[in-house]
Protein backbone atom coordinates (compact mmCIF):
# COMPACT_ATOMS: atom_id res chain seq x y z
CA MET A 1 0.00 0.00 0.00
CA LEU A 2 1.36 3.41 -0.97
CA LYS A 3 2.29 5.56 1.97
CA LYS A 4 0.83 9.01 1.44
CA LEU A 5 3.41 11.72 1.94
CA SER A 6 2.55 15.02 3.56
CA GLU A 7 3.11 18.29 1.73
CA ALA A 8 6.16 18.92 3.92
CA GLN A 9 7.60 15.50 3.05
CA LEU A 10 7.01 16.07 -0.66
CA GLU A 11 8.78 19.43 -0.45
CA ARG A 12 11.75 17.89 1.36
CA LEU A 13 11.88 15.12 -1.23
CA LEU A 14 11.84 17.50 -4.19
CA GLU A 15 14.41 19.80 -2.60
CA ALA A 16 16.68 16.82 -1.92
CA GLY A 17 16.26 15.78 -5.55
CA VAL A 18 17.03 19.25 -6.88
CA GLU A 19 20.22 19.39 -4.83
CA ALA A 20 21.35 15.90 -5.85
CA PHE A 21 20.65 16.37 -9.55
CA SER A 22 22.30 19.81 -9.53
CA LEU A 23 25.47 18.46 -7.90
CA HIS A 24 25.80 15.08 -9.61
CA GLY A 25 23.77 15.41 -12.80
CA PRO A 26 20.87 13.14 -13.84
CA ALA A 27 23.12 10.09 -14.30
CA GLY A 28 25.16 10.48 -11.13
CA ALA A 29 22.37 11.26 -8.64
CA SER A 30 21.36 8.31 -6.45
CA MET A 31 17.66 7.76 -5.85
CA ARG A 32 18.44 5.90 -2.62
CA SER A 33 20.57 8.72 -1.22
CA ILE A 34 17.86 11.23 -2.18
CA ALA A 35 15.22 9.18 -0.36
CA ASP A 36 17.47 8.80 2.69
CA ARG A 37 18.12 12.53 2.80
CA ALA A 38 14.40 13.27 2.62
CA GLY A 39 13.56 10.66 5.26
CA VAL A 40 11.44 8.38 3.08
CA SER A 41 11.95 4.90 1.67
CA VAL A 42 13.27 4.54 -1.87
CA GLY A 43 10.22 2.40 -2.63
CA VAL A 44 7.90 5.29 -1.82
CA LEU A 45 9.98 7.55 -4.05
CA TYR A 46 9.60 5.18 -7.01
CA LYS A 47 5.89 4.66 -6.35
CA TYR A 48 5.24 8.39 -6.39
CA TYR A 49 7.31 9.26 -9.46
CA GLY A 50 7.69 6.01 -11.40
CA ASP A 51 11.40 6.19 -12.18
CA LYS A 52 14.37 8.54 -12.03
CA GLU A 53 13.29 10.36 -15.19
CA GLY A 54 9.85 11.03 -13.72
CA PHE A 55 11.38 12.33 -10.50
CA LEU A 56 13.84 14.52 -12.39
CA ARG A 57 10.90 15.96 -14.30
CA ALA A 58 9.11 16.78 -11.04
CA CYS A 59 12.24 18.50 -9.69
CA LEU A 60 12.66 20.48 -12.89
CA ASP A 61 8.99 21.50 -12.88
CA ARG A 62 9.39 22.79 -9.32
CA SER A 63 12.44 24.83 -10.30
CA LEU A 64 10.80 26.28 -13.41
CA ALA A 65 7.61 27.17 -11.56
CA ALA A 66 9.61 29.12 -8.97
CA LEU A 67 11.52 31.03 -11.64
CA ASP A 68 8.40 31.71 -13.73
CA GLU A 69 6.73 33.15 -10.63
CA VAL A 70 9.64 35.54 -10.10
CA LEU A 71 9.67 36.64 -13.75
CA ALA A 72 5.90 37.15 -13.77
CA SER A 73 5.96 39.30 -10.64
CA VAL A 74 8.89 41.41 -11.86
CA THR A 75 7.47 42.07 -15.32
CA ALA A 76 3.79 42.48 -14.41
CA GLU A 77 4.14 46.25 -14.17
CA GLU A 78 5.17 48.13 -17.30
CA ALA A 79 8.36 50.16 -17.12
CA GLY A 80 11.08 51.66 -19.27
CA PHE A 81 14.05 49.50 -20.20
CA ARG A 82 16.35 50.66 -17.39
CA ALA A 83 13.74 50.11 -14.65
CA TYR A 84 12.73 46.79 -16.24
CA ALA A 85 16.35 45.60 -16.34
CA ARG A 86 17.04 46.78 -12.79
CA ARG A 87 14.10 44.82 -11.40
CA LEU A 88 15.20 41.69 -13.27
CA ILE A 89 18.82 41.93 -12.08
CA ARG A 90 17.75 42.38 -8.45
CA ALA A 91 15.20 39.57 -8.62
CA LEU A 92 17.58 37.10 -10.27
CA LEU A 93 20.39 37.85 -7.82
CA GLN A 94 17.97 37.22 -4.96
CA PHE A 95 16.70 34.06 -6.65
CA SER A 96 20.22 32.66 -7.00
CA ARG A 97 20.85 33.33 -3.31
CA GLU A 98 17.63 31.77 -2.07
CA HIS A 99 17.25 28.97 -4.64
CA GLY A 100 20.78 28.17 -5.68
CA GLY A 101 19.93 24.52 -6.21
CA TYR A 102 17.35 25.43 -8.86
CA VAL A 103 19.90 27.44 -10.82
CA ARG A 104 22.57 24.75 -10.45
CA LEU A 105 20.06 22.16 -11.73
CA TYR A 106 19.48 24.27 -14.82
CA CYS A 107 23.25 24.63 -15.28
CA ALA A 108 23.81 20.87 -14.88
CA LEU A 109 21.09 20.01 -17.43
CA ALA A 110 22.34 22.61 -19.90
CA ALA A 111 25.89 21.24 -19.64
CA SER A 112 24.86 17.60 -20.01
CA GLY A 113 24.50 17.82 -23.80
CA GLY A 114 22.89 15.26 -26.04
CA ALA A 115 19.31 14.82 -27.19
CA GLU A 116 17.92 14.98 -23.64
CA ALA A 117 19.28 18.48 -23.06
CA GLN A 118 18.10 19.65 -26.49
CA GLY A 119 14.63 18.36 -25.78
CA LEU A 120 14.49 20.35 -22.55
CA ALA A 121 15.65 23.62 -24.12
CA GLU A 122 12.19 24.78 -25.20
CA GLU A 123 10.65 23.94 -21.86
CA ILE A 124 13.43 25.57 -19.82
CA GLU A 125 14.09 28.60 -22.03
CA GLY A 126 10.76 29.09 -23.79
CA ALA A 127 8.97 31.31 -21.28
CA ALA A 128 11.94 33.64 -20.75
CA ALA A 129 12.65 33.80 -24.50
CA ARG A 130 9.09 34.84 -25.30
CA LEU A 131 9.03 37.34 -22.44
CA TYR A 132 12.30 39.01 -23.41
CA ARG A 133 11.50 39.02 -27.13
CA ARG A 134 8.21 40.81 -26.42
CA ALA A 135 9.94 43.30 -24.14
CA VAL A 136 12.64 44.05 -26.70
CA ALA A 137 10.16 44.37 -29.57
CA ALA A 138 8.04 46.76 -27.49
CA GLY A 139 11.11 48.80 -26.56
CA GLN A 140 12.18 49.04 -30.19
CA ALA A 141 8.69 50.06 -31.27
CA ALA A 142 8.65 52.80 -28.61
CA GLY A 143 12.10 54.03 -29.64
CA ASP A 144 13.65 53.14 -26.27
CA LEU A 145 15.91 50.39 -27.65
CA ARG A 146 18.15 50.35 -30.68
CA ARG A 147 16.45 49.16 -33.84
CA ASP A 148 19.52 48.22 -35.88
CA VAL A 149 19.80 44.78 -34.20
CA ASP A 150 17.40 41.88 -34.70
CA PRO A 151 15.03 41.74 -31.67
CA GLY A 152 15.61 38.01 -31.23
CA LEU A 153 19.38 38.48 -31.04
CA LEU A 154 19.02 41.46 -28.72
CA ALA A 155 16.79 39.38 -26.42
CA PHE A 156 19.31 36.52 -26.59
CA PHE A 157 22.19 38.82 -25.58
CA PHE A 158 20.11 40.24 -22.74
CA ASP A 159 19.18 36.80 -21.40
CA SER A 160 22.77 35.56 -21.71
CA LEU A 161 24.02 38.39 -19.51
CA LEU A 162 21.32 37.76 -16.92
CA MET A 163 22.09 34.03 -17.01
CA MET A 164 25.74 34.70 -16.17
CA VAL A 165 24.63 36.87 -13.24
CA GLN A 166 22.58 33.96 -11.90
CA PHE A 167 25.33 31.39 -12.41
CA SER A 168 27.89 33.64 -10.72
CA GLY A 169 25.68 33.88 -7.66
CA CYS A 170 25.53 30.17 -6.84
CA CYS A 171 27.59 27.91 -9.15
CA GLY A 172 31.09 27.24 -7.84
CA TYR A 173 32.95 27.52 -11.15
CA TYR A 174 31.19 30.73 -12.17
CA ARG A 175 31.60 32.24 -8.70
CA GLU A 176 35.35 31.73 -8.93
CA ARG A 177 35.35 33.07 -12.48
CA PHE A 178 33.56 36.21 -11.24
CA ARG A 179 36.07 36.58 -8.40
CA LEU A 180 39.01 36.30 -10.82
CA TYR A 181 37.62 39.14 -12.92
CA CYS A 182 36.16 41.34 -10.18
CA GLY A 183 38.21 40.56 -7.05
CA ALA A 184 35.32 39.56 -4.78
CA ALA A 185 32.23 37.34 -4.65
CA PRO A 186 29.03 38.66 -6.30
CA GLU A 187 27.15 38.99 -3.01
CA ASP A 188 29.90 41.28 -1.67
CA GLN A 189 29.33 43.82 -4.42
CA GLU A 190 25.75 43.43 -5.58
CA ASP A 191 25.06 47.17 -5.70
CA ARG A 192 28.12 47.73 -7.87
CA LEU A 193 27.24 44.77 -10.08
CA GLU A 194 23.73 46.08 -10.56
CA GLU A 195 24.74 49.64 -11.40
CA GLU A 196 27.56 48.76 -13.77
CA LEU A 197 25.56 46.11 -15.60
CA LEU A 198 22.76 48.65 -16.02
CA ARG A 199 25.26 51.17 -17.36
CA PHE A 200 26.53 48.64 -19.87
CA LEU A 201 23.05 47.54 -20.90
CA GLU A 202 21.86 51.10 -21.34
CA SER A 203 24.68 52.00 -23.71
CA ALA A 204 24.82 48.68 -25.58
CA PHE A 205 21.06 48.33 -26.01
CA THR A 206 20.00 51.91 -26.71
CA PHE A 207 22.60 53.57 -28.96
CA GLU A 208 22.46 52.58 -32.61
CA ALA A 209 25.67 52.22 -34.61
CA SER A 210 25.13 55.55 -36.35
CA GLU A 211 24.98 57.32 -32.97
CA ILE A 212 28.27 55.95 -31.65
CA VAL A 213 31.31 58.18 -32.09
CA HIS A 214 34.68 56.46 -31.79
CA LYS A 215 37.82 58.23 -30.69
CA THR A 216 40.11 59.29 -33.51
CA GLN A 217 43.77 60.21 -33.25
CA GLY A 218 44.23 63.64 -31.77
CA ARG A 219 40.50 64.27 -31.21
CA GLU A 220 38.23 63.64 -28.23
CA PRO A 221 34.62 63.38 -29.45
CA SER A 222 31.74 64.75 -27.49
CA ALA A 223 29.39 62.29 -25.85
CA PRO A 224 26.78 60.92 -28.27
CA GLN A 225 23.29 62.25 -27.78
CA HIS A 226 20.50 59.67 -27.81
CA VAL A 227 17.14 60.84 -29.00
């Protein structure tokens, strides 16, 4: 007879799974060690989720639901590009602090390669891709963002920068990479990270090529004026 797990037990089980899959990957994670960590029998784990693939799917769904909730709350209110980007940076930094396992799971799946990872790309990336593409297209239509770059590519560049911010907040390799470049951990300089990333985004995403004046020998150009 199947032992019914409480909501608290299910949460502990899924969190244990997220952590194990994020650290060891889908192949290396042990269902028995996950069950032991959550305080349930491995038989109950299999009865609830069928097999490792079914359990991995449940863990991934939990992670994606949490991230989608953050993105929905941050983007519900309309704002200009700078305010929109600032809210996203703050929210994603906080998300990586509070739910590092979710981000590490995403990183582990993305790095695993093969057909399995490709099949998950639409599910993992789809919501953010559609959200950012709409935001970029709206910004271009309003004249707030540069229009000499394809909106899909501009959204891709934007998401890639935000993804690195998340990885740097909770993934060991990317944290060390950040420290090598910046001299300290991301959480020790979040305000600086936010402001300087915003400065970069504002210049890279708003000025069109025709508006950018490069230095020439013997002449210091005036700052470009963005209309």
